[in-house]
PDB file of all heavy atoms in Angstrom:
ATOM      1  N   VAL A   1      70.420  74.725  95.170  1.00  0.00           N
ATOM      2  CA  VAL A   1      70.415  74.779  93.736  1.00  0.00           C
ATOM      3  C   VAL A   1      69.159  74.081  93.212  1.00  0.00           C
ATOM      4  O   VAL A   1      68.773  73.017  93.516  1.00  0.00           O
ATOM      5  CB  VAL A   1      71.641  74.127  93.126  1.00  0.00           C
ATOM      6  CG1 VAL A   1      71.550  74.115  91.544  1.00  0.00           C
ATOM      7  CG2 VAL A   1      72.956  74.700  93.558  1.00  0.00           C
ATOM      8  N   GLY A   2      68.430  74.939  92.300  1.00  0.00           N
ATOM      9  CA  GLY A   2      67.183  74.470  91.737  1.00  0.00           C
ATOM     10  C   GLY A   2      66.009  74.162  92.693  1.00  0.00           C
ATOM     11  O   GLY A   2      64.960  73.734  92.208  1.00  0.00           O
ATOM     12  N   GLU A   3      66.155  74.492  93.876  1.00  0.00           N
ATOM     13  CA  GLU A   3      65.142  74.217  94.874  1.00  0.00           C
ATOM     14  C   GLU A   3      63.832  75.094  94.815  1.00  0.00           C
ATOM     15  O   GLU A   3      64.043  76.274  94.493  1.00  0.00           O
ATOM     16  CB  GLU A   3      65.701  74.345  96.417  1.00  0.00           C
ATOM     17  CG  GLU A   3      64.759  73.997  97.435  1.00  0.00           C
ATOM     18  CD  GLU A   3      65.455  74.069  98.701  1.00  0.00           C
ATOM     19  OE1 GLU A   3      66.010  75.003  99.067  1.00  0.00           O
ATOM     20  OE2 GLU A   3      65.461  72.969  99.464  1.00  0.00           O
ATOM     21  N   ASP A   4      62.697  74.448  94.807  1.00  0.00           N
ATOM     22  CA  ASP A   4      61.359  75.201  94.946  1.00  0.00           C
ATOM     23  C   ASP A   4      61.261  75.652  96.361  1.00  0.00           C
ATOM     24  O   ASP A   4      60.759  74.920  97.190  1.00  0.00           O
ATOM     25  CB  ASP A   4      60.302  74.376  94.403  1.00  0.00           C
ATOM     26  CG  ASP A   4      58.935  75.054  94.470  1.00  0.00           C
ATOM     27  OD1 ASP A   4      58.766  76.112  95.122  1.00  0.00           O
ATOM     28  OD2 ASP A   4      58.034  74.510  93.838  1.00  0.00           O
ATOM     29  N   PHE A   5      61.714  76.844  96.608  1.00  0.00           N
ATOM     30  CA  PHE A   5      61.743  77.340  98.020  1.00  0.00           C
ATOM     31  C   PHE A   5      60.294  77.552  98.533  1.00  0.00           C
ATOM     32  O   PHE A   5      59.986  77.319  99.607  1.00  0.00           O
ATOM     33  CB  PHE A   5      62.471  78.649  98.186  1.00  0.00           C
ATOM     34  CG  PHE A   5      62.782  79.081  99.632  1.00  0.00           C
ATOM     35  CD1 PHE A   5      63.836  78.567 100.226  1.00  0.00           C
ATOM     36  CD2 PHE A   5      61.803  79.901 100.347  1.00  0.00           C
ATOM     37  CE1 PHE A   5      64.113  78.876 101.619  1.00  0.00           C
ATOM     38  CE2 PHE A   5      62.085  80.187 101.555  1.00  0.00           C
ATOM     39  CZ  PHE A   5      63.231  79.732 102.260  1.00  0.00           C
ATOM     40  N   ASN A   6      59.245  77.865  97.693  1.00  0.00           N
ATOM     41  CA  ASN A   6      57.903  77.962  98.080  1.00  0.00           C
ATOM     42  C   ASN A   6      57.322  76.543  98.633  1.00  0.00           C
ATOM     43  O   ASN A   6      56.679  76.548  99.601  1.00  0.00           O
ATOM     44  CB  ASN A   6      56.988  78.463  96.905  1.00  0.00           C
ATOM     45  CG  ASN A   6      57.381  79.974  96.503  1.00  0.00           C
ATOM     46  OD1 ASN A   6      57.856  80.725  97.414  1.00  0.00           O
ATOM     47  ND2 ASN A   6      57.020  80.255  95.341  1.00  0.00           N
ATOM     48  N   ALA A   7      57.789  75.540  97.918  1.00  0.00           N
ATOM     49  CA  ALA A   7      57.399  74.249  98.329  1.00  0.00           C
ATOM     50  C   ALA A   7      58.054  73.889  99.739  1.00  0.00           C
ATOM     51  O   ALA A   7      57.378  73.240 100.532  1.00  0.00           O
ATOM     52  CB  ALA A   7      57.811  73.211  97.245  1.00  0.00           C
ATOM     53  N   LEU A   8      59.323  74.298  99.896  1.00  0.00           N
ATOM     54  CA  LEU A   8      59.972  73.953 101.131  1.00  0.00           C
ATOM     55  C   LEU A   8      59.279  74.639 102.261  1.00  0.00           C
ATOM     56  O   LEU A   8      58.975  74.155 103.376  1.00  0.00           O
ATOM     57  CB  LEU A   8      61.422  74.505 101.150  1.00  0.00           C
ATOM     58  CG  LEU A   8      62.167  74.346 102.414  1.00  0.00           C
ATOM     59  CD1 LEU A   8      62.316  72.973 102.910  1.00  0.00           C
ATOM     60  CD2 LEU A   8      63.575  74.974 102.177  1.00  0.00           C
ATOM     61  N   ALA A   9      59.011  76.034 102.044  1.00  0.00           N
ATOM     62  CA  ALA A   9      58.270  76.830 103.034  1.00  0.00           C
ATOM     63  C   ALA A   9      56.978  76.309 103.438  1.00  0.00           C
ATOM     64  O   ALA A   9      56.377  76.469 104.631  1.00  0.00           O
ATOM     65  CB  ALA A   9      58.229  78.277 102.641  1.00  0.00           C
ATOM     66  N   ALA A  10      56.311  75.687 102.468  1.00  0.00           N
ATOM     67  CA  ALA A  10      54.938  75.177 102.664  1.00  0.00           C
ATOM     68  C   ALA A  10      54.806  74.004 103.577  1.00  0.00           C
ATOM     69  O   ALA A  10      53.689  73.649 104.048  1.00  0.00           O
ATOM     70  CB  ALA A  10      54.288  74.785 101.226  1.00  0.00           C
ATOM     71  N   GLN A  11      56.051  73.374 103.878  1.00  0.00           N
ATOM     72  CA  GLN A  11      56.094  72.278 104.857  1.00  0.00           C
ATOM     73  C   GLN A  11      55.977  72.860 106.333  1.00  0.00           C
ATOM     74  O   GLN A  11      55.883  72.030 107.320  1.00  0.00           O
ATOM     75  CB  GLN A  11      57.347  71.578 104.685  1.00  0.00           C
ATOM     76  CG  GLN A  11      57.499  70.895 103.280  1.00  0.00           C
ATOM     77  CD  GLN A  11      58.723  70.077 103.145  1.00  0.00           C
ATOM     78  OE1 GLN A  11      59.132  69.240 103.892  1.00  0.00           O
ATOM     79  NE2 GLN A  11      59.472  70.463 102.114  1.00  0.00           N
ATOM     80  N   TYR A  12      56.038  74.150 106.515  1.00  0.00           N
ATOM     81  CA  TYR A  12      55.875  74.809 107.857  1.00  0.00           C
ATOM     82  C   TYR A  12      54.597  75.628 107.845  1.00  0.00           C
ATOM     83  O   TYR A  12      54.074  76.023 106.813  1.00  0.00           O
ATOM     84  CB  TYR A  12      57.028  75.709 108.116  1.00  0.00           C
ATOM     85  CG  TYR A  12      58.428  75.080 108.095  1.00  0.00           C
ATOM     86  CD1 TYR A  12      59.063  74.587 107.000  1.00  0.00           C
ATOM     87  CD2 TYR A  12      59.030  74.647 109.204  1.00  0.00           C
ATOM     88  CE1 TYR A  12      60.360  73.847 106.957  1.00  0.00           C
ATOM     89  CE2 TYR A  12      60.237  74.007 109.384  1.00  0.00           C
ATOM     90  CZ  TYR A  12      60.862  73.695 108.209  1.00  0.00           C
ATOM     91  OH  TYR A  12      62.037  73.055 108.223  1.00  0.00           O
ATOM     92  N   PRO A  13      54.047  75.801 109.067  1.00  0.00           N
ATOM     93  CA  PRO A  13      52.803  76.589 109.173  1.00  0.00           C
ATOM     94  C   PRO A  13      53.018  77.982 108.510  1.00  0.00           C
ATOM     95  O   PRO A  13      54.045  78.638 108.699  1.00  0.00           O
ATOM     96  CB  PRO A  13      52.606  76.721 110.752  1.00  0.00           C
ATOM     97  CG  PRO A  13      53.280  75.448 111.305  1.00  0.00           C
ATOM     98  CD  PRO A  13      54.438  75.196 110.354  1.00  0.00           C
ATOM     99  N   THR A  14      52.007  78.467 107.884  1.00  0.00           N
ATOM    100  CA  THR A  14      51.888  79.733 107.234  1.00  0.00           C
ATOM    101  C   THR A  14      51.891  80.848 108.258  1.00  0.00           C
ATOM    102  O   THR A  14      51.043  80.768 109.276  1.00  0.00           O
ATOM    103  CB  THR A  14      50.689  79.929 106.321  1.00  0.00           C
ATOM    104  OG1 THR A  14      50.863  78.833 105.348  1.00  0.00           O
ATOM    105  CG2 THR A  14      50.690  81.270 105.629  1.00  0.00           C
ATOM    106  N   MET A  15      52.649  81.847 108.269  1.00  0.00           N
ATOM    107  CA  MET A  15      52.724  82.948 109.102  1.00  0.00           C
ATOM    108  C   MET A  15      51.666  83.987 108.852  1.00  0.00           C
ATOM    109  O   MET A  15      51.313  84.188 107.681  1.00  0.00           O
ATOM    110  CB  MET A  15      54.180  83.525 109.172  1.00  0.00           C
ATOM    111  CG  MET A  15      55.267  82.462 109.568  1.00  0.00           C
ATOM    112  SD  MET A  15      54.858  81.507 111.062  1.00  0.00           S
ATOM    113  CE  MET A  15      55.095  82.609 112.375  1.00  0.00           C
ATOM    114  N   PRO A  16      51.190  84.743 109.861  1.00  0.00           N
ATOM    115  CA  PRO A  16      50.048  85.744 109.703  1.00  0.00           C
ATOM    116  C   PRO A  16      50.303  86.717 108.678  1.00  0.00           C
ATOM    117  O   PRO A  16      49.302  87.271 107.975  1.00  0.00           O
ATOM    118  CB  PRO A  16      49.753  86.237 110.980  1.00  0.00           C
ATOM    119  CG  PRO A  16      50.941  85.860 111.833  1.00  0.00           C
ATOM    120  CD  PRO A  16      51.554  84.738 111.150  1.00  0.00           C
ATOM    121  N   ALA A  17      51.571  87.199 108.454  1.00  0.00           N
ATOM    122  CA  ALA A  17      51.793  88.340 107.391  1.00  0.00           C
ATOM    123  C   ALA A  17      51.354  87.940 106.020  1.00  0.00           C
ATOM    124  O   ALA A  17      50.919  88.831 105.272  1.00  0.00           O
ATOM    125  CB  ALA A  17      53.246  88.663 107.456  1.00  0.00           C
ATOM    126  N   ARG A  18      51.316  86.514 105.833  1.00  0.00           N
ATOM    127  CA  ARG A  18      50.994  86.121 104.412  1.00  0.00           C
ATOM    128  C   ARG A  18      49.587  86.651 103.954  1.00  0.00           C
ATOM    129  O   ARG A  18      49.305  86.924 102.839  1.00  0.00           O
ATOM    130  CB  ARG A  18      51.045  84.667 104.296  1.00  0.00           C
ATOM    131  CG  ARG A  18      50.699  84.001 102.989  1.00  0.00           C
ATOM    132  CD  ARG A  18      51.523  84.482 101.855  1.00  0.00           C
ATOM    133  NE  ARG A  18      51.083  83.988 100.610  1.00  0.00           N
ATOM    134  CZ  ARG A  18      51.666  84.477  99.500  1.00  0.00           C
ATOM    135  NH1 ARG A  18      52.663  85.306  99.435  1.00  0.00           N
ATOM    136  NH2 ARG A  18      51.120  84.013  98.315  1.00  0.00           N
ATOM    137  N   ALA A  19      48.591  86.683 104.945  1.00  0.00           N
ATOM    138  CA  ALA A  19      47.242  87.094 104.709  1.00  0.00           C
ATOM    139  C   ALA A  19      47.126  88.493 104.258  1.00  0.00           C
ATOM    140  O   ALA A  19      46.124  88.973 103.618  1.00  0.00           O
ATOM    141  CB  ALA A  19      46.378  86.829 105.992  1.00  0.00           C
ATOM    142  N   GLY A  20      48.235  89.314 104.439  1.00  0.00           N
ATOM    143  CA  GLY A  20      48.184  90.714 104.092  1.00  0.00           C
ATOM    144  C   GLY A  20      48.693  91.002 102.679  1.00  0.00           C
ATOM    145  O   GLY A  20      48.831  92.311 102.365  1.00  0.00           O
ATOM    146  N   VAL A  21      49.211  89.979 101.992  1.00  0.00           N
ATOM    147  CA  VAL A  21      49.715  90.199 100.719  1.00  0.00           C
ATOM    148  C   VAL A  21      48.622  90.592  99.601  1.00  0.00           C
ATOM    149  O   VAL A  21      47.553  89.897  99.486  1.00  0.00           O
ATOM    150  CB  VAL A  21      50.400  89.033 100.120  1.00  0.00           C
ATOM    151  CG1 VAL A  21      50.936  89.199  98.705  1.00  0.00           C
ATOM    152  CG2 VAL A  21      51.656  88.594 100.973  1.00  0.00           C
ATOM    153  N   MET A  22      48.771  91.669  98.977  1.00  0.00           N
ATOM    154  CA  MET A  22      47.741  92.252  98.049  1.00  0.00           C
ATOM    155  C   MET A  22      48.403  92.185  96.664  1.00  0.00           C
ATOM    156  O   MET A  22      49.652  92.556  96.556  1.00  0.00           O
ATOM    157  CB  MET A  22      47.323  93.632  98.512  1.00  0.00           C
ATOM    158  CG  MET A  22      46.780  93.636  99.903  1.00  0.00           C
ATOM    159  SD  MET A  22      46.464  95.275 100.546  1.00  0.00           S
ATOM    160  CE  MET A  22      44.991  95.820  99.563  1.00  0.00           C
ATOM    161  N   THR A  23      47.715  92.006  95.596  1.00  0.00           N
ATOM    162  CA  THR A  23      48.271  91.837  94.325  1.00  0.00           C
ATOM    163  C   THR A  23      47.273  92.664  93.318  1.00  0.00           C
ATOM    164  O   THR A  23      46.116  92.522  93.381  1.00  0.00           O
ATOM    165  CB  THR A  23      48.373  90.408  93.844  1.00  0.00           C
ATOM    166  OG1 THR A  23      49.281  89.816  94.668  1.00  0.00           O
ATOM    167  CG2 THR A  23      49.075  90.417  92.410  1.00  0.00           C
ATOM    168  N   ARG A  24      47.997  93.406  92.428  1.00  0.00           N
ATOM    169  CA  ARG A  24      47.178  93.989  91.359  1.00  0.00           C
ATOM    170  C   ARG A  24      48.228  94.340  90.244  1.00  0.00           C
ATOM    171  O   ARG A  24      49.381  94.770  90.420  1.00  0.00           O
ATOM    172  CB  ARG A  24      46.678  95.330  91.843  1.00  0.00           C
ATOM    173  CG  ARG A  24      45.871  96.311  90.795  1.00  0.00           C
ATOM    174  CD  ARG A  24      45.171  97.357  91.467  1.00  0.00           C
ATOM    175  NE  ARG A  24      44.569  98.150  90.536  1.00  0.00           N
ATOM    176  CZ  ARG A  24      43.902  99.288  90.794  1.00  0.00           C
ATOM    177  NH1 ARG A  24      43.776  99.820  92.034  1.00  0.00           N
ATOM    178  NH2 ARG A  24      43.187  99.939  89.800  1.00  0.00           N
ATOM    179  N   ASP A  25      47.747  94.127  88.990  1.00  0.00           N
ATOM    180  CA  ASP A  25      48.387  94.433  87.762  1.00  0.00           C
ATOM    181  C   ASP A  25      49.865  93.787  87.872  1.00  0.00           C
ATOM    182  O   ASP A  25      50.929  94.364  87.387  1.00  0.00           O
ATOM    183  CB  ASP A  25      48.658  96.031  87.626  1.00  0.00           C
ATOM    184  CG  ASP A  25      47.283  96.618  87.384  1.00  0.00           C
ATOM    185  OD1 ASP A  25      46.351  96.004  86.842  1.00  0.00           O
ATOM    186  OD2 ASP A  25      47.089  97.798  87.841  1.00  0.00           O
ATOM    187  N   GLY A  26      50.037  92.497  88.299  1.00  0.00           N
ATOM    188  CA  GLY A  26      51.303  91.850  88.295  1.00  0.00           C
ATOM    189  C   GLY A  26      52.216  92.277  89.366  1.00  0.00           C
ATOM    190  O   GLY A  26      53.374  91.660  89.393  1.00  0.00           O
ATOM    191  N   TYR A  27      51.846  93.048  90.377  1.00  0.00           N
ATOM    192  CA  TYR A  27      52.717  93.405  91.407  1.00  0.00           C
ATOM    193  C   TYR A  27      51.986  93.163  92.874  1.00  0.00           C
ATOM    194  O   TYR A  27      50.738  93.155  92.868  1.00  0.00           O
ATOM    195  CB  TYR A  27      53.063  94.871  91.313  1.00  0.00           C
ATOM    196  CG  TYR A  27      54.144  95.133  90.310  1.00  0.00           C
ATOM    197  CD1 TYR A  27      53.795  95.409  88.988  1.00  0.00           C
ATOM    198  CD2 TYR A  27      55.421  95.021  90.517  1.00  0.00           C
ATOM    199  CE1 TYR A  27      54.699  95.616  87.880  1.00  0.00           C
ATOM    200  CE2 TYR A  27      56.370  95.238  89.495  1.00  0.00           C
ATOM    201  CZ  TYR A  27      56.008  95.500  88.235  1.00  0.00           C
ATOM    202  OH  TYR A  27      57.015  95.642  87.241  1.00  0.00           O
ATOM    203  N   SER A  28      52.830  92.899  93.825  1.00  0.00           N
ATOM    204  CA  SER A  28      52.304  92.579  95.153  1.00  0.00           C
ATOM    205  C   SER A  28      52.888  93.446  96.176  1.00  0.00           C
ATOM    206  O   SER A  28      54.027  93.978  96.027  1.00  0.00           O
ATOM    207  CB  SER A  28      52.597  91.229  95.511  1.00  0.00           C
ATOM    208  OG  SER A  28      51.829  90.317  94.690  1.00  0.00           O
ATOM    209  N   TRP A  29      52.155  93.775  97.271  1.00  0.00           N
ATOM    210  CA  TRP A  29      52.757  94.517  98.458  1.00  0.00           C
ATOM    211  C   TRP A  29      52.009  94.006  99.624  1.00  0.00           C
ATOM    212  O   TRP A  29      50.872  93.331  99.616  1.00  0.00           O
ATOM    213  CB  TRP A  29      52.435  96.041  98.147  1.00  0.00           C
ATOM    214  CG  TRP A  29      50.946  96.411  98.000  1.00  0.00           C
ATOM    215  CD1 TRP A  29      50.211  96.881  99.076  1.00  0.00           C
ATOM    216  CD2 TRP A  29      50.166  96.404  96.912  1.00  0.00           C
ATOM    217  NE1 TRP A  29      48.987  97.214  98.504  1.00  0.00           N
ATOM    218  CE2 TRP A  29      48.904  96.824  97.279  1.00  0.00           C
ATOM    219  CE3 TRP A  29      50.413  95.864  95.448  1.00  0.00           C
ATOM    220  CZ2 TRP A  29      47.849  96.986  96.315  1.00  0.00           C
ATOM    221  CZ3 TRP A  29      49.407  96.048  94.506  1.00  0.00           C
ATOM    222  CH2 TRP A  29      48.116  96.535  95.049  1.00  0.00           C
ATOM    223  N   LEU A  30      52.406  94.509 100.763  1.00  0.00           N
ATOM    224  CA  LEU A  30      51.863  94.117 102.078  1.00  0.00           C
ATOM    225  C   LEU A  30      50.943  95.246 102.448  1.00  0.00           C
ATOM    226  O   LEU A  30      51.207  96.481 102.467  1.00  0.00           O
ATOM    227  CB  LEU A  30      52.910  93.998 103.102  1.00  0.00           C
ATOM    228  CG  LEU A  30      53.595  92.560 103.434  1.00  0.00           C
ATOM    229  CD1 LEU A  30      54.430  92.576 104.621  1.00  0.00           C
ATOM    230  CD2 LEU A  30      52.500  91.486 103.515  1.00  0.00           C
ATOM    231  N   SER A  31      49.774  94.883 103.005  1.00  0.00           N
ATOM    232  CA  SER A  31      48.756  95.912 103.520  1.00  0.00           C
ATOM    233  C   SER A  31      49.330  96.556 104.742  1.00  0.00           C
ATOM    234  O   SER A  31      50.271  96.014 105.392  1.00  0.00           O
ATOM    235  CB  SER A  31      47.466  95.095 103.866  1.00  0.00           C
ATOM    236  OG  SER A  31      47.684  94.290 105.057  1.00  0.00           O
ATOM    237  N   LYS A  32      48.791  97.698 105.074  1.00  0.00           N
ATOM    238  CA  LYS A  32      49.336  98.465 106.174  1.00  0.00           C
ATOM    239  C   LYS A  32      49.115  97.583 107.512  1.00  0.00           C
ATOM    240  O   LYS A  32      50.019  97.645 108.435  1.00  0.00           O
ATOM    241  CB  LYS A  32      48.543  99.785 106.280  1.00  0.00           C
ATOM    242  CG  LYS A  32      48.986 100.663 107.405  1.00  0.00           C
ATOM    243  CD  LYS A  32      48.113 101.851 107.570  1.00  0.00           C
ATOM    244  CE  LYS A  32      48.172 102.740 106.284  1.00  0.00           C
ATOM    245  NZ  LYS A  32      47.433 103.965 106.345  1.00  0.00           N
ATOM    246  N   ASP A  33      48.014  97.034 107.638  1.00  0.00           N
ATOM    247  CA  ASP A  33      47.752  96.348 108.831  1.00  0.00           C
ATOM    248  C   ASP A  33      48.829  95.156 109.085  1.00  0.00           C
ATOM    249  O   ASP A  33      49.351  94.975 110.086  1.00  0.00           O
ATOM    250  CB  ASP A  33      46.316  95.723 108.904  1.00  0.00           C
ATOM    251  CG  ASP A  33      46.014  94.940 110.260  1.00  0.00           C
ATOM    252  OD1 ASP A  33      45.958  95.584 111.295  1.00  0.00           O
ATOM    253  OD2 ASP A  33      45.829  93.743 110.188  1.00  0.00           O
ATOM    254  N   ALA A  34      49.055  94.331 108.023  1.00  0.00           N
ATOM    255  CA  ALA A  34      49.939  93.255 108.008  1.00  0.00           C
ATOM    256  C   ALA A  34      51.351  93.727 108.288  1.00  0.00           C
ATOM    257  O   ALA A  34      52.141  93.075 108.997  1.00  0.00           O
ATOM    258  CB  ALA A  34      49.878  92.399 106.815  1.00  0.00           C
ATOM    259  N   PHE A  35      51.691  94.803 107.588  1.00  0.00           N
ATOM    260  CA  PHE A  35      53.056  95.313 107.888  1.00  0.00           C
ATOM    261  C   PHE A  35      53.323  95.755 109.326  1.00  0.00           C
ATOM    262  O   PHE A  35      54.330  95.430 109.873  1.00  0.00           O
ATOM    263  CB  PHE A  35      53.188  96.595 106.881  1.00  0.00           C
ATOM    264  CG  PHE A  35      54.572  97.019 106.683  1.00  0.00           C
ATOM    265  CD1 PHE A  35      55.368  96.555 105.442  1.00  0.00           C
ATOM    266  CD2 PHE A  35      55.351  97.592 107.705  1.00  0.00           C
ATOM    267  CE1 PHE A  35      56.704  96.911 105.215  1.00  0.00           C
ATOM    268  CE2 PHE A  35      56.687  98.012 107.421  1.00  0.00           C
ATOM    269  CZ  PHE A  35      57.334  97.725 106.238  1.00  0.00           C
TER     270      PHE A  35
END
């Protein structure tokens, strides 16, 4: 309840898929390579 999950996840090493997140016009998606 009320937890900042992004902050919790940040306590662990970032996984490589994260580098493939692309954002435009307020929306995000995964690049083909990362997917």
